[in-house]
Amino acid sequence: MGEGERFQLGTVGALTLSVVSSVSIVICNKALMSSLHFIFATTLTSWHLLVTFCSLHVALKMRFFEHKPFEQKAVMGFGILNGISIGLLNLSLGFNSVGFYQMTKLAIIPCTVLLETIFLGKRFSKRIQFALSILLLGVGIATVTDLQLNALGSFLSFLAVITTCVAQIMTNTIQKKYKVSSTQLLYQSCPYQAATLLIAGPYLDKLLTNQNVFGFKYTTQVTVFIILSCLISISVNFSTFLVIGKTSPVTYQVLGHLKTCLVLAFGYILLRDPFSWRNILGILIAMIGMILYSYYCTLENQQKTVEAASQSSQVCFNWPTLCILSFCIVTNLKYILSPCFSLVFPGKRR
């Protein structure tokens, strides 16, 4: 197996891991927040990062990876910025309608393309831009409902989009500039991300929910789902850095919209959530956009040498195969998670 084939296999593996772990944690958190009424999202995220750091520290002691220190200011700034972006996204959801929040998430791709074009000198062909437009249109049809605007919510959404784009671009550029792996970068930045959210989390959650996370009644069911969510988050955080490092921030956002479509489909399969023809149409259009994105990336990368392709920000991989593989894995997650979900969804276990 050549170097290009190994890189390709590793990329598809990273993408699949990201899809499966992200969809799993969304379903788990939905049960935790909707059914068990633990609605402290920012504090929960800080626990995710803390558990991730602890697990990576154990892995380091067991020599699963090597510690590679680099510029401390870059690590600190990157970690704090990541923590701020997560907090702003939660505030955006709290001060806006769900529909406007979905529009905020859709805005991340064009904003990332714009920032990379202006500051990094990257060029995205018209074919790639067309494919991304089809993707965003499909996700918009499937997810965006009401659009209620307000000044504070719009400002918070603007800040959330900018910080998220910059943080994801930094994830890619730092790994390449300092030649560190996704694991090494995650290990060094996790403490700063966790500290930022551990300090700000309780205050943000109090602002958004008017409840105190420390005054919440932690039953056995709540504790079990919090632990499960934290364990899944290890894979989520690791795969996020892995995917951005191997591909690009834009590709990671494309993958994020695939996850959105799968969450909608999985919610219908497992939880019998409402599912309309609008959802189906939007998902189909989004899938067409993903296939076109893959096809155009393939055409453009075939014109380059293997060495240049391995350094390209637009990595070639098989999106249709990934979509089918991810959907098959995700739709079978109910057999893995059903013992846990039977605690809170006893009437929906099949």
Protein backbone atom coordinates (compact mmCIF):
# COMPACT_ATOMS: atom_id res chain seq x y z
CA MET A 1 0.00 0.00 0.00
CA GLY A 2 1.45 3.33 -1.09
CA GLU A 3 1.76 6.47 0.99
CA GLY A 4 -1.19 8.08 -0.82
CA GLU A 5 -3.42 5.06 -0.20
CA ARG A 6 -2.49 4.93 3.50
CA PHE A 7 -3.23 8.65 3.80
CA GLN A 8 -6.56 8.12 2.04
CA LEU A 9 -7.50 5.24 4.34
CA GLY A 10 -6.53 7.24 7.42
CA THR A 11 -8.62 10.19 6.24
CA VAL A 12 -11.74 8.08 5.66
CA GLY A 13 -11.22 6.44 9.07
CA ALA A 14 -10.95 9.84 10.75
CA LEU A 15 -14.08 11.09 8.98
CA THR A 16 -16.07 7.99 9.93
CA LEU A 17 -14.92 8.19 13.57
CA SER A 18 -15.96 11.85 13.67
CA VAL A 19 -19.42 11.11 12.24
CA VAL A 20 -20.20 8.15 14.50
CA SER A 21 -18.92 9.76 17.72
CA SER A 22 -20.61 13.12 17.03
CA VAL A 23 -23.99 11.58 16.23
CA SER A 24 -23.70 9.36 19.33
CA ILE A 25 -23.01 12.29 21.64
CA VAL A 26 -25.85 14.35 20.14
CA ILE A 27 -28.33 11.54 20.82
CA CYS A 28 -26.91 11.00 24.31
CA ASN A 29 -27.06 14.71 25.16
CA LYS A 30 -30.58 14.93 23.77
CA ALA A 31 -31.67 12.30 26.28
CA LEU A 32 -29.74 14.06 29.03
CA MET A 33 -31.18 17.51 28.37
CA SER A 34 -34.66 16.80 27.01
CA SER A 35 -35.73 13.88 29.18
CA LEU A 36 -33.58 14.25 32.30
CA HIS A 37 -33.66 18.09 32.20
CA PHE A 38 -29.91 18.60 32.67
CA ILE A 39 -29.70 21.74 30.53
CA PHE A 40 -26.26 23.07 31.45
CA ALA A 41 -24.57 22.72 28.06
CA THR A 42 -21.49 24.90 28.62
CA THR A 43 -20.61 23.29 31.95
CA LEU A 44 -21.10 19.85 30.41
CA THR A 45 -18.68 20.79 27.62
CA SER A 46 -16.06 21.82 30.19
CA TRP A 47 -16.38 18.38 31.79
CA HIS A 48 -15.96 16.80 28.36
CA LEU A 49 -12.68 18.64 27.85
CA LEU A 50 -11.46 17.85 31.35
CA VAL A 51 -12.14 14.11 30.89
CA THR A 52 -10.47 14.24 27.47
CA PHE A 53 -7.33 15.80 28.95
CA CYS A 54 -7.20 13.22 31.76
CA SER A 55 -7.55 10.35 29.29
CA LEU A 56 -4.82 11.81 27.06
CA HIS A 57 -2.55 12.24 30.09
CA VAL A 58 -2.99 8.55 30.91
CA ALA A 59 -2.29 7.68 27.26
CA LEU A 60 0.87 9.80 27.40
CA LYS A 61 2.08 7.98 30.52
CA MET A 62 1.41 4.68 28.74
CA ARG A 63 3.49 6.00 25.78
CA PHE A 64 0.70 5.85 23.21
CA PHE A 65 2.01 9.18 21.90
CA GLU A 66 4.93 11.51 22.56
CA HIS A 67 4.70 14.94 24.14
CA LYS A 68 5.98 17.59 21.71
CA PRO A 69 5.97 21.05 23.29
CA PHE A 70 5.98 24.09 21.05
CA GLU A 71 5.32 27.82 21.37
CA GLN A 72 3.37 28.28 24.61
CA LYS A 73 1.69 31.52 23.58
CA ALA A 74 0.24 29.84 20.49
CA VAL A 75 -1.11 26.94 22.56
CA MET A 76 -2.63 29.22 25.18
CA GLY A 77 -4.22 31.59 22.67
CA PHE A 78 -5.57 28.69 20.63
CA GLY A 79 -7.03 26.92 23.68
CA ILE A 80 -8.69 30.04 25.08
CA LEU A 81 -10.10 30.97 21.65
CA ASN A 82 -11.61 27.49 21.28
CA GLY A 83 -13.23 27.80 24.70
CA ILE A 84 -14.62 31.24 23.85
CA SER A 85 -16.06 30.01 20.53
CA ILE A 86 -17.92 27.19 22.29
CA GLY A 87 -19.35 29.61 24.84
CA LEU A 88 -20.43 32.04 22.12
CA LEU A 89 -22.16 29.28 20.14
CA ASN A 90 -24.12 28.33 23.26
CA LEU A 91 -25.03 31.99 23.86
CA SER A 92 -26.09 32.28 20.22
CA LEU A 93 -28.46 29.36 20.66
CA GLY A 94 -29.77 30.84 23.90
CA PHE A 95 -30.51 34.32 22.53
CA ASN A 96 -31.78 33.30 19.07
CA SER A 97 -34.43 31.06 17.61
CA VAL A 98 -33.39 27.55 16.53
CA GLY A 99 -33.82 28.56 12.89
CA PHE A 100 -31.48 31.54 13.20
CA TYR A 101 -28.96 29.37 15.08
CA GLN A 102 -28.98 26.92 12.16
CA MET A 103 -28.32 29.86 9.83
CA THR A 104 -25.37 30.78 12.05
CA LYS A 105 -23.91 27.30 11.59
CA LEU A 106 -24.46 27.49 7.83
CA ALA A 107 -22.56 30.81 7.75
CA ILE A 108 -19.38 29.15 9.04
CA ILE A 109 -18.46 27.61 5.66
CA PRO A 110 -18.60 30.81 3.53
CA CYS A 111 -16.90 32.74 6.32
CA THR A 112 -14.09 30.16 6.49
CA VAL A 113 -13.67 30.27 2.71
CA LEU A 114 -13.51 34.08 2.84
CA LEU A 115 -10.95 34.17 5.67
CA GLU A 116 -8.72 31.55 4.06
CA THR A 117 -8.87 33.39 0.74
CA ILE A 118 -8.01 36.79 2.24
CA PHE A 119 -5.42 35.85 4.88
CA LEU A 120 -3.97 32.54 3.69
CA GLY A 121 -4.14 33.11 -0.05
CA LYS A 122 -6.08 29.91 -0.74
CA ARG A 123 -8.19 29.61 -3.86
CA PHE A 124 -11.48 27.75 -4.13
CA SER A 125 -12.59 26.99 -7.68
CA LYS A 126 -16.04 27.91 -8.92
CA ARG A 127 -16.91 24.22 -9.03
CA ILE A 128 -16.09 23.82 -5.34
CA GLN A 129 -18.05 26.95 -4.50
CA PHE A 130 -21.02 25.62 -6.48
CA ALA A 131 -20.92 22.28 -4.64
CA LEU A 132 -20.76 24.05 -1.26
CA SER A 133 -23.73 26.23 -2.26
CA ILE A 134 -25.80 23.12 -3.09
CA LEU A 135 -24.81 21.59 0.24
CA LEU A 136 -25.77 24.69 2.23
CA LEU A 137 -29.06 24.97 0.36
CA GLY A 138 -29.97 21.37 1.23
CA VAL A 139 -29.06 21.70 4.89
CA GLY A 140 -30.96 24.99 5.05
CA ILE A 141 -34.10 23.38 3.63
CA ALA A 142 -33.82 20.44 6.04
CA THR A 143 -33.08 22.36 9.24
CA VAL A 144 -33.99 26.05 9.08
CA THR A 145 -37.53 26.91 10.15
CA ASP A 146 -38.31 30.25 11.78
CA LEU A 147 -35.98 33.23 11.52
CA GLN A 148 -36.49 35.60 14.44
CA LEU A 149 -33.92 38.37 14.54
CA ASN A 150 -32.78 40.48 17.48
CA ALA A 151 -29.79 42.79 17.86
CA LEU A 152 -28.05 41.03 20.76
CA GLY A 153 -28.58 37.55 19.33
CA SER A 154 -27.31 38.64 15.90
CA PHE A 155 -24.18 40.18 17.42
CA LEU A 156 -23.46 37.04 19.46
CA SER A 157 -23.95 34.90 16.34
CA PHE A 158 -21.53 37.08 14.40
CA LEU A 159 -18.88 36.68 17.13
CA ALA A 160 -19.55 32.93 17.31
CA VAL A 161 -19.05 32.51 13.56
CA ILE A 162 -15.81 34.53 13.50
CA THR A 163 -14.23 32.81 16.53
CA THR A 164 -15.26 29.34 15.32
CA CYS A 165 -13.79 29.94 11.86
CA VAL A 166 -10.52 31.31 13.23
CA ALA A 167 -10.20 28.47 15.76
CA GLN A 168 -10.72 25.80 13.10
CA ILE A 169 -8.28 27.47 10.70
CA MET A 170 -5.72 27.64 13.53
CA THR A 171 -6.22 23.93 14.22
CA ASN A 172 -5.09 23.15 10.68
CA THR A 173 -2.30 25.73 10.42
CA ILE A 174 -0.76 25.01 13.84
CA GLN A 175 -0.50 21.28 13.12
CA LYS A 176 1.26 21.99 9.83
CA LYS A 177 3.45 24.86 11.07
CA TYR A 178 4.78 23.14 14.20
CA LYS A 179 4.53 19.59 12.77
CA VAL A 180 2.50 18.30 15.71
CA SER A 181 -0.11 15.58 15.54
CA SER A 182 -3.77 16.11 16.37
CA THR A 183 -3.25 14.20 19.65
CA GLN A 184 -0.30 16.37 20.67
CA LEU A 185 -2.18 19.58 19.91
CA LEU A 186 -5.32 18.43 21.70
CA TYR A 187 -3.33 17.36 24.77
CA GLN A 188 -1.61 20.72 25.11
CA SER A 189 -4.65 22.90 24.37
CA CYS A 190 -7.24 20.96 26.38
CA PRO A 191 -6.31 22.46 29.79
CA TYR A 192 -6.84 26.00 28.49
CA GLN A 193 -10.13 25.13 26.79
CA ALA A 194 -11.36 23.31 29.90
CA ALA A 195 -10.27 26.11 32.25
CA THR A 196 -12.00 28.75 30.13
CA LEU A 197 -15.29 26.86 30.16
CA LEU A 198 -15.00 25.69 33.78
CA ILE A 199 -14.78 29.35 34.84
CA ALA A 200 -17.37 30.76 32.44
CA GLY A 201 -19.67 27.72 32.18
CA PRO A 202 -21.72 28.05 35.38
CA TYR A 203 -22.27 31.78 34.78
CA LEU A 204 -23.32 31.29 31.14
CA ASP A 205 -25.64 28.43 32.08
CA LYS A 206 -27.14 30.53 34.88
CA LEU A 207 -27.70 33.37 32.38
CA LEU A 208 -29.33 31.09 29.79
CA THR A 209 -31.37 28.78 32.04
CA ASN A 210 -31.88 30.80 35.23
CA GLN A 211 -30.82 27.67 37.12
CA ASN A 212 -27.72 26.76 39.13
CA VAL A 213 -25.72 23.75 37.93
CA PHE A 214 -24.49 23.16 41.47
CA GLY A 215 -28.05 23.10 42.81
CA PHE A 216 -29.24 20.47 40.33
CA LYS A 217 -30.40 17.10 41.72
CA TYR A 218 -28.01 14.49 40.30
CA THR A 219 -29.90 11.21 40.15
CA THR A 220 -28.34 7.89 39.11
CA GLN A 221 -29.78 8.22 35.60
CA VAL A 222 -28.38 11.73 35.17
CA THR A 223 -24.96 10.64 36.44
CA VAL A 224 -24.88 7.64 34.08
CA PHE A 225 -25.67 9.78 31.05
CA ILE A 226 -23.16 12.46 32.06
CA ILE A 227 -20.44 9.80 32.32
CA LEU A 228 -21.50 8.29 28.99
CA SER A 229 -21.46 11.73 27.35
CA CYS A 230 -17.97 12.46 28.74
CA LEU A 231 -16.62 9.12 27.48
CA ILE A 232 -18.01 9.68 23.98
CA SER A 233 -16.60 13.22 24.00
CA ILE A 234 -13.06 11.80 24.10
CA SER A 235 -13.61 10.38 20.63
CA VAL A 236 -15.43 13.53 19.46
CA ASN A 237 -12.63 15.91 20.53
CA PHE A 238 -9.88 13.67 19.17
CA SER A 239 -11.60 13.10 15.81
CA THR A 240 -12.28 16.84 15.39
CA PHE A 241 -8.57 17.70 15.56
CA LEU A 242 -7.72 14.64 13.47
CA VAL A 243 -10.13 15.52 10.66
CA ILE A 244 -9.14 19.20 10.46
CA GLY A 245 -5.46 18.26 10.53
CA LYS A 246 -5.83 15.68 7.73
CA THR A 247 -8.23 17.69 5.56
CA SER A 248 -9.22 21.34 6.01
CA PRO A 249 -11.59 23.52 8.05
CA VAL A 250 -14.01 23.66 5.09
CA THR A 251 -14.07 19.87 4.73
CA TYR A 252 -14.71 19.57 8.47
CA GLN A 253 -17.72 21.89 8.14
CA VAL A 254 -19.01 19.80 5.21
CA LEU A 255 -18.70 16.77 7.45
CA GLY A 256 -20.56 18.64 10.18
CA HIS A 257 -23.56 19.08 7.91
CA LEU A 258 -23.46 15.37 7.07
CA LYS A 259 -23.72 14.77 10.82
CA THR A 260 -26.75 17.09 10.97
CA CYS A 261 -28.51 15.04 8.28
CA LEU A 262 -27.66 11.79 10.05
CA VAL A 263 -28.90 13.15 13.40
CA LEU A 264 -32.25 13.98 11.76
CA ALA A 265 -32.47 10.50 10.22
CA PHE A 266 -31.31 8.73 13.37
CA GLY A 267 -33.73 10.70 15.54
CA TYR A 268 -36.55 9.48 13.33
CA ILE A 269 -35.36 5.85 13.35
CA LEU A 270 -34.69 5.56 17.10
CA LEU A 271 -36.90 8.17 18.74
CA ARG A 272 -39.62 8.58 16.11
CA ASP A 273 -39.02 12.32 15.89
CA PRO A 274 -41.27 14.17 13.40
CA PHE A 275 -39.92 13.87 9.86
CA SER A 276 -41.42 15.76 6.92
CA TRP A 277 -40.95 15.73 3.17
CA ARG A 278 -39.07 19.00 3.59
CA ASN A 279 -36.49 17.19 5.75
CA ILE A 280 -36.16 14.42 3.16
CA LEU A 281 -35.79 16.88 0.27
CA GLY A 282 -33.21 18.92 2.15
CA ILE A 283 -31.15 15.85 3.06
CA LEU A 284 -31.20 14.63 -0.56
CA ILE A 285 -30.03 18.02 -1.86
CA ALA A 286 -27.32 18.15 0.81
CA MET A 287 -26.12 14.67 -0.20
CA ILE A 288 -25.90 15.83 -3.83
CA GLY A 289 -23.78 18.78 -2.68
CA MET A 290 -21.46 16.45 -0.74
CA ILE A 291 -21.07 14.13 -3.74
CA LEU A 292 -20.31 17.07 -6.03
CA TYR A 293 -17.80 18.42 -3.49
CA SER A 294 -16.03 15.05 -3.46
CA TYR A 295 -16.12 14.73 -7.25
CA TYR A 296 -14.70 18.19 -7.90
CA CYS A 297 -12.01 17.71 -5.24
CA THR A 298 -11.06 14.45 -6.98
CA LEU A 299 -10.75 16.12 -10.38
CA GLU A 300 -8.61 18.93 -9.00
CA ASN A 301 -6.32 16.65 -7.01
CA GLN A 302 -5.76 14.30 -9.94
CA GLN A 303 -3.94 17.17 -11.63
CA LYS A 304 -1.33 17.28 -8.88
CA THR A 305 1.48 14.98 -7.84
CA VAL A 306 1.05 12.63 -4.86
CA GLU A 307 3.34 14.83 -2.77
CA ALA A 308 1.37 17.98 -3.57
CA ALA A 309 -1.92 16.20 -2.96
CA SER A 310 -0.81 15.10 0.53
CA GLN A 311 -0.25 18.77 1.40
CA SER A 312 -3.41 20.06 -0.26
CA SER A 313 -6.10 21.66 1.84
CA GLN A 314 -8.77 19.99 -0.31
CA VAL A 315 -8.23 16.28 0.35
CA CYS A 316 -9.67 13.72 -2.06
CA PHE A 317 -11.84 11.03 -0.51
CA ASN A 318 -14.95 9.10 -1.36
CA TRP A 319 -17.89 11.05 0.08
CA PRO A 320 -20.63 8.71 -1.26
CA THR A 321 -18.95 5.69 0.35
CA LEU A 322 -18.45 7.64 3.59
CA CYS A 323 -22.11 8.72 3.64
CA ILE A 324 -23.35 5.15 3.13
CA LEU A 325 -20.87 3.69 5.63
CA SER A 326 -21.65 6.32 8.27
CA PHE A 327 -25.41 5.89 7.84
CA CYS A 328 -25.12 2.10 8.21
CA ILE A 329 -23.03 2.44 11.38
CA VAL A 330 -25.18 5.17 12.88
CA THR A 331 -28.46 3.34 12.25
CA ASN A 332 -27.07 0.37 14.17
CA LEU A 333 -26.05 2.49 17.16
CA LYS A 334 -29.48 1.89 18.66
CA TYR A 335 -28.47 -1.69 19.46
CA ILE A 336 -25.39 -0.41 21.29
CA LEU A 337 -27.05 2.48 23.11
CA SER A 338 -30.46 0.92 23.72
CA PRO A 339 -29.63 -0.34 27.28
CA CYS A 340 -28.86 3.25 28.29
CA PHE A 341 -31.81 4.74 26.42
CA SER A 342 -34.20 2.24 28.00
CA LEU A 343 -33.66 4.14 31.25
CA VAL A 344 -35.27 7.26 29.87
CA PHE A 345 -37.19 5.99 26.80
CA PRO A 346 -38.79 2.77 28.14
CA GLY A 347 -41.71 3.06 25.77
CA LYS A 348 -39.60 3.58 22.64
CA ARG A 349 -37.20 0.68 22.84
CA ARG A 350 -37.73 -1.64 19.93
